[in-house]
Amino acid sequence: MDTVALVVLAFGGAWLVRREGLRAWRRLQSVKRDPQNAGREVLDAAVILVGGFLLLTPGFLTASIGLFMVLPLTRPITRGWVSTMAATRSPMMGATGGVRRPPPGSGDIIEGEIVDDSSEHNSRDPRTDPRLE
């Protein structure tokens, strides 16, 4: 009986992964036009991919975890857990999965000068121009 349940779970999981994977792919395609939620959509697709892999891996525990990751109702829980884990492991990651910039004034300052020489570039003689020494 357990084997039959696992086979049914595997086939149902494969169908669910295909359906949710196609939905995630469409959302990723729409992110190209509106990159506002790109991090969330990429993370969602990654959770579906890992969940699908776990669903197709033999074993009741891996199938259960994979199903939890793929189901639309429980995926936000997994996505939040992965975001929190990534934020605690990487100091440059924010809670939303986006890259945090360091506060102003915390980096090295390199002084320089911007010189627009595009129009003069060909007319300069390196032997007489003091800037080229």
Protein backbone atom coordinates (compact mmCIF):
# COMPACT_ATOMS: atom_id res chain seq x y z
CA MET A 1 0.00 0.00 0.00
CA ASP A 2 2.86 2.37 0.80
CA THR A 3 4.39 1.77 -2.61
CA VAL A 4 1.12 2.60 -4.35
CA ALA A 5 0.83 5.84 -2.33
CA LEU A 6 4.38 6.81 -3.27
CA VAL A 7 3.74 6.14 -6.97
CA VAL A 8 0.54 8.20 -6.88
CA LEU A 9 2.37 10.95 -5.01
CA ALA A 10 5.20 10.89 -7.56
CA PHE A 11 2.86 11.16 -10.56
CA GLY A 12 0.72 13.80 -8.88
CA GLY A 13 3.85 15.65 -7.88
CA ALA A 14 5.24 15.52 -11.41
CA TRP A 15 2.00 16.97 -12.76
CA LEU A 16 2.03 19.68 -10.06
CA VAL A 17 5.68 20.54 -10.72
CA ARG A 18 4.97 20.83 -14.44
CA ARG A 19 1.97 23.11 -13.86
CA GLU A 20 3.66 25.32 -11.26
CA GLY A 21 6.91 25.36 -13.22
CA LEU A 22 5.11 26.65 -16.32
CA ARG A 23 3.40 29.33 -14.22
CA ALA A 24 6.73 30.36 -12.72
CA TRP A 25 8.28 30.46 -16.21
CA ARG A 26 5.52 32.79 -17.44
CA ARG A 27 6.01 35.06 -14.42
CA LEU A 28 9.76 35.11 -15.05
CA GLN A 29 9.09 36.11 -18.66
CA SER A 30 6.86 38.97 -17.48
CA VAL A 31 9.60 40.16 -15.11
CA LYS A 32 11.59 41.21 -18.18
CA ARG A 33 8.99 43.88 -18.84
CA ASP A 34 8.47 44.83 -15.18
CA PRO A 35 11.53 43.95 -13.05
CA GLN A 36 9.89 45.11 -9.79
CA ASN A 37 9.41 41.59 -8.33
CA ALA A 38 12.35 39.87 -10.02
CA GLY A 39 13.89 38.54 -6.81
CA ARG A 40 10.64 37.02 -5.61
CA GLU A 41 9.92 35.35 -8.94
CA VAL A 42 13.42 33.91 -9.29
CA LEU A 43 13.28 32.58 -5.75
CA ASP A 44 9.84 31.11 -6.42
CA ALA A 45 11.14 29.32 -9.53
CA ALA A 46 14.15 28.00 -7.60
CA VAL A 47 11.93 26.66 -4.81
CA ILE A 48 9.74 24.89 -7.41
CA LEU A 49 12.82 23.41 -9.08
CA VAL A 50 14.27 22.06 -5.84
CA GLY A 51 10.85 20.85 -4.71
CA GLY A 52 10.35 19.02 -8.00
CA PHE A 53 13.73 17.36 -7.64
CA LEU A 54 12.83 16.25 -4.11
CA LEU A 55 9.44 14.97 -5.25
CA LEU A 56 11.05 12.76 -7.87
CA THR A 57 13.74 11.51 -5.48
CA PRO A 58 12.76 8.16 -3.96
CA GLY A 59 11.64 8.29 -0.36
CA PHE A 60 8.64 9.39 1.63
CA LEU A 61 10.42 12.18 3.51
CA THR A 62 11.94 13.77 0.39
CA ALA A 63 8.62 13.51 -1.43
CA SER A 64 6.82 15.19 1.47
CA ILE A 65 9.33 18.04 1.64
CA GLY A 66 9.19 18.44 -2.14
CA LEU A 67 5.40 18.56 -2.09
CA PHE A 68 5.52 21.21 0.65
CA MET A 69 7.86 23.29 -1.53
CA VAL A 70 5.78 22.97 -4.70
CA LEU A 71 2.25 23.50 -3.38
CA PRO A 72 1.08 27.08 -4.01
CA LEU A 73 -0.34 27.38 -0.48
CA THR A 74 2.87 26.41 1.31
CA ARG A 75 5.45 27.83 -1.12
CA PRO A 76 5.40 31.31 0.49
CA ILE A 77 6.46 29.70 3.78
CA THR A 78 9.39 28.00 2.05
CA ARG A 79 10.27 31.19 0.16
CA GLY A 80 10.29 33.18 3.41
CA TRP A 81 12.45 30.56 5.10
CA VAL A 82 14.97 30.57 2.25
CA SER A 83 15.05 34.40 2.19
CA THR A 84 15.65 34.55 5.94
CA MET A 85 18.36 31.93 5.74
CA ALA A 86 20.09 33.76 2.89
CA ALA A 87 19.86 37.09 4.72
CA THR A 88 21.47 35.69 7.86
CA ARG A 89 24.27 33.95 5.97
CA SER A 90 25.19 36.84 3.68
CA PRO A 91 25.75 40.32 5.14
CA MET A 92 25.01 41.97 1.78
CA MET A 93 21.57 40.35 1.35
CA GLY A 94 18.45 42.05 2.61
CA ALA A 95 15.38 40.34 4.05
CA THR A 96 13.65 40.53 0.65
CA GLY A 97 16.50 38.79 -1.14
CA GLY A 98 17.77 41.95 -2.79
CA VAL A 99 21.30 43.25 -2.55
CA ARG A 100 21.84 45.88 0.12
CA ARG A 101 24.19 48.75 -0.63
CA PRO A 102 26.65 49.86 2.03
CA PRO A 103 25.76 53.13 3.78
CA PRO A 104 27.15 56.31 2.22
CA GLY A 105 30.57 57.28 3.46
CA SER A 106 31.60 53.77 4.45
CA GLY A 107 33.83 53.08 1.44
CA ASP A 108 37.16 54.34 0.18
CA ILE A 109 37.17 57.68 -1.58
CA ILE A 110 39.20 57.92 -4.74
CA GLU A 111 39.68 61.45 -5.94
CA GLY A 112 39.90 62.00 -9.65
CA GLU A 113 39.18 64.29 -12.51
CA ILE A 114 36.94 63.75 -15.52
CA VAL A 115 38.49 64.93 -18.76
CA ASP A 116 36.47 64.97 -21.95
CA ASP A 117 39.04 64.66 -24.67
CA SER A 118 36.98 62.94 -27.35
CA SER A 119 37.14 65.90 -29.74
CA GLU A 120 40.81 66.68 -29.11
CA HIS A 121 42.09 63.13 -29.05
CA ASN A 122 43.27 62.95 -32.65
CA SER A 123 44.70 66.48 -32.78
CA ARG A 124 47.09 66.15 -29.80
CA ASP A 125 50.77 65.76 -30.35
CA PRO A 126 52.23 63.56 -27.60
CA ARG A 127 55.55 65.41 -27.81
CA THR A 128 54.03 68.83 -26.96
CA ASP A 129 50.95 68.04 -24.84
CA PRO A 130 51.92 68.22 -21.11
CA ARG A 131 48.92 66.04 -20.09
CA LEU A 132 50.35 63.06 -21.94
CA GLU A 133 53.71 63.01 -20.19
